[in-house]
N, C-alpha and C. Protein backbone atom coordinates (compact mmCIF):
# COMPACT_ATOMS: atom_id res chain seq x y z
N UNK A 1 6.75 -2.72 -6.29
CA UNK A 1 7.37 -2.37 -7.36
C UNK A 1 6.78 -1.39 -8.30
N UNK A 2 7.51 -0.35 -8.59
CA UNK A 2 6.86 0.66 -8.95
C UNK A 2 7.43 1.24 -10.12
N UNK A 3 7.15 1.61 -11.48
CA UNK A 3 7.64 1.74 -12.43
C UNK A 3 6.12 2.74 -13.27
N UNK A 4 6.84 3.77 -14.89
CA UNK A 4 5.82 4.47 -14.90
C UNK A 4 4.67 3.94 -16.09
N UNK A 5 5.09 2.81 -16.44
CA UNK A 5 3.48 2.19 -17.16
C UNK A 5 3.30 0.88 -17.07
N UNK A 6 4.33 0.48 -15.81
CA UNK A 6 3.83 -1.15 -15.18
C UNK A 6 4.10 -2.08 -16.52
N UNK A 7 4.94 -2.11 -17.17
CA UNK A 7 4.84 -3.11 -18.56
C UNK A 7 6.80 -3.62 -18.77
N UNK A 8 7.68 -2.86 -18.17
CA UNK A 8 8.69 -3.43 -18.36
C UNK A 8 9.35 -3.57 -17.05
N UNK A 9 10.17 -2.69 -16.39
CA UNK A 9 10.97 -2.45 -15.35
C UNK A 9 10.06 -3.21 -14.06
N UNK A 10 8.82 -2.37 -13.48
CA UNK A 10 8.18 -3.30 -12.53
C UNK A 10 7.40 -4.63 -12.59
N UNK A 11 7.13 -4.90 -13.69
CA UNK A 11 6.64 -6.47 -13.82
C UNK A 11 7.94 -7.38 -13.77
N UNK A 12 8.78 -6.86 -14.05
CA UNK A 12 10.32 -7.62 -14.02
C UNK A 12 10.74 -7.86 -12.31
N UNK A 13 10.80 -6.95 -11.98
CA UNK A 13 11.29 -6.87 -10.38
C UNK A 13 10.10 -7.80 -9.39
N UNK A 14 8.57 -7.40 -9.34
CA UNK A 14 8.05 -8.56 -9.38
C UNK A 14 8.24 -9.83 -9.24
N UNK A 15 8.23 -10.38 -10.82
CA UNK A 15 8.81 -11.68 -11.11
C UNK A 15 9.86 -12.37 -10.35
N UNK A 16 10.88 -11.43 -10.31
CA UNK A 16 12.01 -11.65 -10.29
C UNK A 16 11.95 -12.24 -8.75
N UNK A 17 11.54 -11.21 -7.89
CA UNK A 17 11.07 -11.38 -6.44
C UNK A 17 10.28 -12.42 -5.76
N UNK A 18 9.17 -12.30 -6.82
CA UNK A 18 8.31 -13.35 -5.95
C UNK A 18 9.22 -14.95 -6.30
N UNK A 19 10.10 -15.08 -7.17
CA UNK A 19 10.95 -15.71 -8.00
C UNK A 19 11.88 -16.30 -7.06
N UNK A 20 12.48 -15.93 -5.90
CA UNK A 20 13.07 -16.09 -5.07
C UNK A 20 13.16 -16.40 -4.01
N UNK A 21 11.60 -16.09 -3.36
CA UNK A 21 11.13 -15.80 -1.91
C UNK A 21 11.17 -17.35 -1.38
N UNK A 22 11.32 -18.01 -0.45
CA UNK A 22 10.81 -19.14 0.06
C UNK A 22 9.89 -18.96 0.43
N UNK A 23 9.69 -17.71 1.62
CA UNK A 23 8.11 -17.46 1.96
C UNK A 23 7.18 -16.75 1.15
N UNK A 24 6.10 -17.60 0.79
CA UNK A 24 5.01 -17.47 -0.15
C UNK A 24 3.85 -16.45 0.02
N UNK A 25 4.13 -15.97 1.72
CA UNK A 25 2.49 -15.75 1.89
C UNK A 25 2.57 -14.07 2.18
N UNK A 26 4.13 -13.46 1.07
CA UNK A 26 3.89 -12.28 1.48
C UNK A 26 3.37 -11.49 0.06
N UNK A 27 3.04 -10.91 -0.05
CA UNK A 27 2.48 -10.15 -0.96
C UNK A 27 3.11 -9.12 -1.93
N UNK A 28 3.33 -9.58 -2.78
CA UNK A 28 4.15 -8.58 -3.92
C UNK A 28 3.65 -8.25 -4.87
N UNK A 29 4.00 -7.16 -5.34
CA UNK A 29 2.64 -6.69 -6.52
C UNK A 29 3.61 -5.70 -7.38
N UNK A 30 3.39 -5.16 -8.38
CA UNK A 30 3.53 -3.85 -9.38
C UNK A 30 2.50 -3.39 -9.77
N UNK A 31 3.01 -1.90 -9.55
CA UNK A 31 1.75 -0.61 -10.33
C UNK A 31 3.02 0.22 -11.15
N UNK A 32 2.28 1.04 -12.12
CA UNK A 32 2.70 2.21 -12.74
C UNK A 32 2.33 3.17 -11.99
N UNK A 33 2.85 4.72 -12.36
CA UNK A 33 2.31 5.62 -11.99
C UNK A 33 1.71 6.19 -13.07
N UNK A 34 1.87 5.88 -14.24
CA UNK A 34 1.13 6.13 -15.34
C UNK A 34 -0.08 5.38 -15.87
N UNK A 35 -1.25 5.65 -16.38
CA UNK A 35 -2.18 4.76 -16.64
C UNK A 35 -2.51 4.41 -17.87
N UNK A 36 -1.20 4.22 -18.24
CA UNK A 36 -1.20 4.19 -20.24
C UNK A 36 -1.51 2.45 -20.66
N UNK A 37 -1.22 1.67 -19.51
CA UNK A 37 -1.28 0.06 -19.61
C UNK A 37 -2.03 -0.76 -18.97
N UNK A 38 -3.05 0.16 -18.34
CA UNK A 38 -4.06 -0.89 -16.99
C UNK A 38 -4.17 -1.93 -17.60
N UNK A 39 -4.48 -3.07 -17.38
CA UNK A 39 -5.06 -4.14 -17.67
C UNK A 39 -4.12 -4.90 -18.94
N UNK A 40 -3.01 -4.32 -19.34
CA UNK A 40 -2.25 -5.26 -20.30
C UNK A 40 -1.04 -5.90 -19.72
N UNK A 41 -0.78 -6.73 -20.84
CA UNK A 41 0.41 -7.76 -20.73
C UNK A 41 1.85 -6.95 -20.67
N UNK A 42 2.97 -7.37 -19.31
CA UNK A 42 4.09 -6.93 -19.55
C UNK A 42 4.58 -6.89 -20.77
N UNK A 43 5.51 -5.90 -21.06
CA UNK A 43 5.92 -5.75 -22.33
C UNK A 43 6.71 -6.84 -23.20
N UNK A 44 6.31 -7.55 -24.37
CA UNK A 44 6.89 -8.81 -24.57
C UNK A 44 8.29 -9.14 -24.57
N UNK A 45 9.09 -8.14 -24.59
CA UNK A 45 10.70 -8.13 -24.36
C UNK A 45 11.06 -8.34 -22.87
N UNK A 46 9.96 -7.84 -21.75
CA UNK A 46 10.53 -8.41 -20.26
C UNK A 46 9.40 -9.65 -20.21
N UNK A 47 8.11 -9.83 -20.70
CA UNK A 47 8.48 -11.53 -20.90
C UNK A 47 9.15 -12.47 -21.16
N UNK A 48 9.92 -12.17 -22.45
CA UNK A 48 11.08 -13.30 -22.73
C UNK A 48 12.28 -13.08 -22.00
N UNK A 49 12.87 -11.92 -21.75
CA UNK A 49 14.07 -12.11 -20.78
C UNK A 49 13.29 -12.37 -19.15
N UNK A 50 12.30 -12.89 -18.94
CA UNK A 50 12.31 -13.25 -17.92
C UNK A 50 12.26 -14.64 -18.30
N UNK A 51 11.15 -15.22 -19.12
CA UNK A 51 11.16 -16.47 -19.45
C UNK A 51 12.75 -17.14 -19.44
N UNK A 52 13.33 -16.36 -20.26
CA UNK A 52 14.65 -16.80 -20.66
C UNK A 52 15.05 -17.62 -19.18
N UNK A 53 14.91 -16.76 -18.35
CA UNK A 53 15.55 -16.88 -16.92
C UNK A 53 14.81 -17.42 -15.93
N UNK A 54 14.04 -18.03 -16.58
CA UNK A 54 12.89 -19.36 -16.00
C UNK A 54 12.09 -18.91 -14.75
N UNK A 55 11.43 -17.60 -15.25
CA UNK A 55 10.52 -16.46 -14.59
C UNK A 55 9.05 -16.55 -15.59
N UNK A 56 8.00 -16.91 -15.07
CA UNK A 56 7.18 -16.41 -15.47
C UNK A 56 6.25 -15.31 -15.61
N UNK A 57 6.48 -14.18 -15.88
CA UNK A 57 5.27 -13.02 -15.56
C UNK A 57 4.36 -12.89 -16.26
N UNK A 58 3.43 -13.89 -17.37
CA UNK A 58 2.44 -13.68 -17.96
C UNK A 58 0.88 -13.77 -17.19
N UNK A 59 0.82 -13.86 -15.77
CA UNK A 59 -0.28 -13.98 -15.70
C UNK A 59 -0.23 -12.11 -14.86
N UNK A 60 0.78 -11.62 -14.61
CA UNK A 60 0.30 -10.12 -14.07
C UNK A 60 -0.49 -9.36 -15.46
N UNK A 61 -1.04 -8.24 -14.75
CA UNK A 61 -1.50 -7.08 -15.76
C UNK A 61 -1.05 -5.79 -15.17
N UNK A 62 -1.22 -5.09 -15.99
CA UNK A 62 -0.32 -3.39 -15.68
C UNK A 62 -1.89 -2.68 -14.99
N UNK A 63 -1.55 -2.30 -13.84
CA UNK A 63 -2.03 -1.07 -12.99
C UNK A 63 -1.71 -0.23 -12.53
N UNK A 64 -2.34 0.73 -12.09
CA UNK A 64 -2.22 2.15 -11.73
C UNK A 64 -2.03 2.26 -9.83
N UNK A 65 -0.72 2.85 -9.44
CA UNK A 65 -0.29 2.69 -7.98
C UNK A 65 -1.46 4.09 -7.42
N UNK A 66 -2.07 3.56 -6.63
CA UNK A 66 -3.21 4.20 -6.10
C UNK A 66 -2.74 4.74 -4.36
N UNK A 67 -3.40 5.81 -4.00
CA UNK A 67 -2.85 6.18 -2.45
C UNK A 67 -2.94 4.49 -1.49
N UNK A 68 -4.51 3.88 -1.99
CA UNK A 68 -4.84 2.87 -0.94
C UNK A 68 -3.30 1.51 -1.02
N UNK A 69 -1.92 1.79 -1.68
CA UNK A 69 -1.41 1.26 -1.66
C UNK A 69 -0.22 1.08 -0.78
N UNK A 70 -0.43 2.41 -0.21
CA UNK A 70 0.15 2.85 1.18
C UNK A 70 -0.34 1.92 2.58
N UNK A 71 -1.29 1.54 2.51
CA UNK A 71 -1.92 0.60 3.21
C UNK A 71 -1.71 -0.95 2.88
N UNK A 72 -1.33 -0.83 1.67
CA UNK A 72 -1.25 -2.70 1.73
C UNK A 72 0.03 -2.79 1.59
N UNK A 73 1.07 -1.92 1.63
CA UNK A 73 2.28 -2.18 1.38
C UNK A 73 3.24 -2.11 2.80
N UNK A 74 4.15 -2.69 2.90
CA UNK A 74 4.96 -2.33 3.95
C UNK A 74 6.09 -1.43 3.61
N UNK A 75 6.97 -1.52 2.16
CA UNK A 75 7.52 -1.16 1.31
C UNK A 75 7.05 -0.75 -0.05
N UNK A 76 7.72 0.14 -0.71
CA UNK A 76 7.48 0.46 -1.99
C UNK A 76 8.70 0.85 -2.71
N UNK A 77 9.00 -0.13 -3.50
CA UNK A 77 10.19 0.05 -4.45
C UNK A 77 10.16 0.78 -5.72
N UNK A 78 10.91 2.07 -6.04
CA UNK A 78 10.25 2.47 -7.11
C UNK A 78 11.57 2.41 -8.09
N UNK A 79 11.94 2.81 -9.36
CA UNK A 79 12.64 2.31 -10.23
C UNK A 79 13.50 3.71 -10.40
N UNK A 80 13.10 4.73 -11.00
CA UNK A 80 14.02 5.96 -10.82
C UNK A 80 12.81 7.31 -10.31
N UNK A 81 13.48 8.65 -10.23
CA UNK A 81 13.57 9.63 -9.94
C UNK A 81 12.04 9.87 -10.19
N UNK A 82 11.50 9.93 -11.41
CA UNK A 82 10.50 10.64 -11.69
C UNK A 82 9.01 9.48 -10.98
N UNK A 83 9.36 8.20 -10.89
CA UNK A 83 8.31 7.30 -10.01
C UNK A 83 8.32 7.93 -8.87
N UNK A 84 9.45 8.16 -8.24
CA UNK A 84 9.51 8.10 -6.84
C UNK A 84 8.76 9.57 -6.34
N UNK A 85 9.42 10.60 -6.91
CA UNK A 85 8.41 11.90 -7.03
C UNK A 85 6.76 12.10 -7.33
N UNK A 86 6.72 10.95 -8.39
CA UNK A 86 5.09 10.68 -8.31
C UNK A 86 4.22 9.72 -7.78
N UNK A 87 5.02 8.92 -6.76
CA UNK A 87 4.31 8.19 -5.57
C UNK A 87 4.48 9.17 -4.13
N UNK A 88 5.56 9.53 -4.37
CA UNK A 88 5.89 10.63 -2.98
C UNK A 88 4.29 11.66 -3.18
N UNK A 89 3.79 12.59 -4.59
CA UNK A 89 2.79 13.38 -4.12
C UNK A 89 1.69 12.42 -4.17
N UNK A 90 1.68 11.17 -3.93
CA UNK A 90 0.09 10.65 -3.26
C UNK A 90 0.15 10.40 -1.89
N UNK A 91 1.48 10.39 -1.41
CA UNK A 91 1.53 10.15 0.14
C UNK A 91 0.84 10.92 1.14
N UNK A 92 0.47 10.44 1.74
CA UNK A 92 -0.66 11.45 3.46
C UNK A 92 0.02 11.84 3.77
N UNK A 93 1.14 11.38 4.59
CA UNK A 93 2.00 11.85 5.33
C UNK A 93 3.56 11.14 5.63
N UNK A 94 4.31 11.44 6.37
CA UNK A 94 5.15 10.66 6.74
C UNK A 94 5.53 9.39 6.40
N UNK A 95 4.49 8.73 7.26
CA UNK A 95 4.86 7.46 7.29
C UNK A 95 4.68 6.53 5.87
N UNK A 96 3.35 7.27 5.39
CA UNK A 96 3.73 6.61 3.83
C UNK A 96 4.89 7.25 2.91
N UNK A 97 5.60 8.49 3.32
CA UNK A 97 6.72 8.49 2.65
C UNK A 97 8.18 7.71 2.88
N UNK A 98 7.93 7.65 4.33
CA UNK A 98 8.79 6.69 4.68
C UNK A 98 8.74 5.02 3.90
N UNK A 99 8.32 4.92 4.01
CA UNK A 99 8.05 3.44 3.02
C UNK A 99 8.81 3.26 1.91
N UNK A 100 8.91 4.44 0.88
CA UNK A 100 9.45 4.50 -0.61
C UNK A 100 10.72 4.42 -0.71
N UNK A 101 11.39 3.53 -1.97
CA UNK A 101 12.97 3.68 -2.24
C UNK A 101 12.80 3.48 -3.40
N UNK A 102 14.17 3.81 -3.45
CA UNK A 102 14.74 3.55 -4.58
C UNK A 102 15.00 1.85 -4.81
N UNK A 103 14.33 0.77 -5.53
CA UNK A 103 15.24 -0.25 -5.63
C UNK A 103 16.85 -0.28 -5.59
N UNK A 104 17.53 0.18 -6.36
CA UNK A 104 18.98 0.48 -6.85
C UNK A 104 19.96 0.57 -5.41
N UNK A 105 18.64 1.00 -4.28
CA UNK A 105 19.51 1.94 -3.00
C UNK A 105 19.89 0.36 -2.40
N UNK A 106 19.13 -0.91 -2.84
CA UNK A 106 19.46 -2.34 -1.89
C UNK A 106 21.27 -2.48 -2.27
N UNK A 107 21.56 -2.02 -3.73
CA UNK A 107 22.90 -2.47 -4.13
C UNK A 107 23.87 -1.45 -3.77
N UNK A 108 23.22 -0.27 -3.94
CA UNK A 108 23.85 0.99 -4.24
C UNK A 108 23.15 2.11 -3.14
N UNK A 109 23.58 1.19 -1.42
CA UNK A 109 22.76 2.13 -0.69
C UNK A 109 22.89 3.76 -0.45
N UNK A 110 21.89 4.61 -0.76
CA UNK A 110 21.49 6.06 -0.52
C UNK A 110 21.92 6.80 -1.53
N UNK A 111 22.43 6.06 -2.46
CA UNK A 111 22.21 6.86 -4.08
C UNK A 111 21.19 7.06 -5.16
N UNK A 112 20.27 6.86 -4.65
CA UNK A 112 19.42 6.53 -5.36
C UNK A 112 19.52 7.14 -6.97
N UNK A 113 19.65 5.53 -7.25
CA UNK A 113 20.53 5.41 -9.20
C UNK A 113 18.81 4.93 -9.44
N UNK A 114 18.79 5.46 -10.68
CA UNK A 114 17.54 4.90 -11.45
C UNK A 114 18.04 3.58 -12.28
N UNK A 115 17.06 2.71 -12.33
CA UNK A 115 16.71 1.68 -13.33
C UNK A 115 16.68 1.85 -14.47
N UNK A 116 17.18 1.94 -15.43
CA UNK A 116 16.90 2.71 -16.51
C UNK A 116 15.74 2.13 -17.75
N UNK A 117 14.62 3.19 -18.08
CA UNK A 117 13.63 2.39 -18.76
C UNK A 117 14.05 2.04 -20.08
N UNK A 118 14.03 0.42 -20.50
CA UNK A 118 14.43 -0.08 -21.35
C UNK A 118 13.32 -0.19 -22.64
N UNK A 119 11.74 0.63 -22.64
CA UNK A 119 11.22 0.52 -23.44
C UNK A 119 11.76 1.21 -24.87
N UNK A 120 12.45 2.25 -24.73
CA UNK A 120 12.05 2.47 -26.58
C UNK A 120 13.68 2.23 -27.11
N UNK A 121 14.36 1.05 -26.02
CA UNK A 121 15.95 0.69 -26.29
C UNK A 121 15.58 -1.15 -26.89
N UNK A 122 16.99 -1.36 -27.39
CA UNK A 122 16.82 -2.67 -27.84
C UNK A 122 16.61 -4.13 -27.06
N UNK A 123 16.92 -5.17 -27.22
CA UNK A 123 16.69 -6.12 -26.03
C UNK A 123 17.71 -6.07 -24.88
N UNK A 124 19.04 -5.36 -25.72
CA UNK A 124 20.18 -5.75 -24.60
C UNK A 124 19.91 -4.76 -23.26
N UNK A 125 19.05 -4.03 -23.31
CA UNK A 125 18.68 -3.03 -22.66
C UNK A 125 17.33 -3.72 -21.52
N UNK A 126 16.73 -4.69 -21.96
CA UNK A 126 16.29 -5.59 -20.79
C UNK A 126 16.84 -6.70 -20.31
N UNK A 127 17.99 -6.80 -20.78
CA UNK A 127 19.01 -7.70 -20.42
C UNK A 127 19.50 -7.09 -19.35
N UNK A 128 19.98 -5.85 -19.58
CA UNK A 128 20.70 -5.19 -18.45
C UNK A 128 19.79 -4.45 -17.23
N UNK A 129 18.53 -4.17 -17.66
CA UNK A 129 17.59 -3.95 -16.69
C UNK A 129 17.06 -5.48 -15.91
N UNK A 130 17.14 -6.44 -16.29
CA UNK A 130 16.99 -7.84 -15.49
C UNK A 130 18.20 -8.14 -14.63
N UNK A 131 19.25 -7.50 -15.37
CA UNK A 131 20.29 -8.01 -14.30
C UNK A 131 20.36 -7.14 -12.99
N UNK A 132 20.27 -6.03 -13.47
CA UNK A 132 19.90 -5.00 -12.31
C UNK A 132 19.38 -5.52 -11.13
N UNK A 133 17.99 -5.50 -11.76
CA UNK A 133 16.91 -5.92 -10.65
C UNK A 133 17.25 -7.49 -10.45
N UNK A 134 17.93 -8.41 -10.82
CA UNK A 134 18.35 -9.73 -10.15
C UNK A 134 18.94 -9.09 -8.75
N UNK A 135 19.82 -8.58 -9.54
CA UNK A 135 20.61 -8.21 -8.06
C UNK A 135 20.10 -7.27 -6.86
N UNK A 136 19.22 -6.72 -7.10
CA UNK A 136 18.54 -6.48 -5.89
C UNK A 136 17.65 -7.08 -5.30
N UNK A 137 16.79 -7.27 -5.89
CA UNK A 137 15.82 -8.48 -5.31
C UNK A 137 16.72 -9.76 -4.82
N UNK A 138 17.88 -9.98 -4.99
CA UNK A 138 18.68 -11.30 -4.48
C UNK A 138 19.07 -10.77 -2.96
N UNK A 139 18.94 -9.25 -2.51
CA UNK A 139 19.07 -8.73 -1.15
C UNK A 139 17.73 -8.58 -0.92
N UNK A 140 16.97 -8.12 -1.36
CA UNK A 140 15.77 -7.82 -0.97
C UNK A 140 14.75 -9.14 -0.41
N UNK A 141 15.26 -10.49 -0.93
CA UNK A 141 14.47 -11.60 -0.88
C UNK A 141 15.53 -12.00 0.60
N UNK A 142 16.75 -11.86 0.84
CA UNK A 142 17.45 -12.72 1.86
C UNK A 142 16.86 -11.84 3.01
N UNK A 143 16.82 -10.26 3.08
CA UNK A 143 16.07 -9.55 4.22
C UNK A 143 15.00 -9.95 4.63
N UNK A 144 14.41 -10.27 3.80
CA UNK A 144 13.24 -10.82 3.99
C UNK A 144 12.79 -12.72 4.34
N UNK A 145 13.16 -13.34 3.65
CA UNK A 145 13.53 -15.03 4.03
C UNK A 145 14.26 -15.18 5.30
């Protein structure tokens, strides 16, 4: 799960997907394309909306997406076009590029829709983002389990 700072959208996506999986031996992680929040907790508003929905994401810490992530993960879900392009710039080959997809393509196939960044908005933005990610993660979890 990849967003810009790894404190709002991608930690929520990571937490939601982990909460939905029956199979627990699958590596799910999140990262940011920027290095602004390395080592930081998720945004307090992400923590709050996750907690309100029975998910604890306080064990997560911000990290930056690195080239080696292409080797560690079979699928890399990005939150928006900016981060899609940033991840593709790090791809070493077509196989790396083929792993990258917009998370909302699970709900709206091939539309490449953005999950809006709620960072500058209010609490409603975080609720809206949670709901979008919840729906996408429902589909992903059914495909995995």
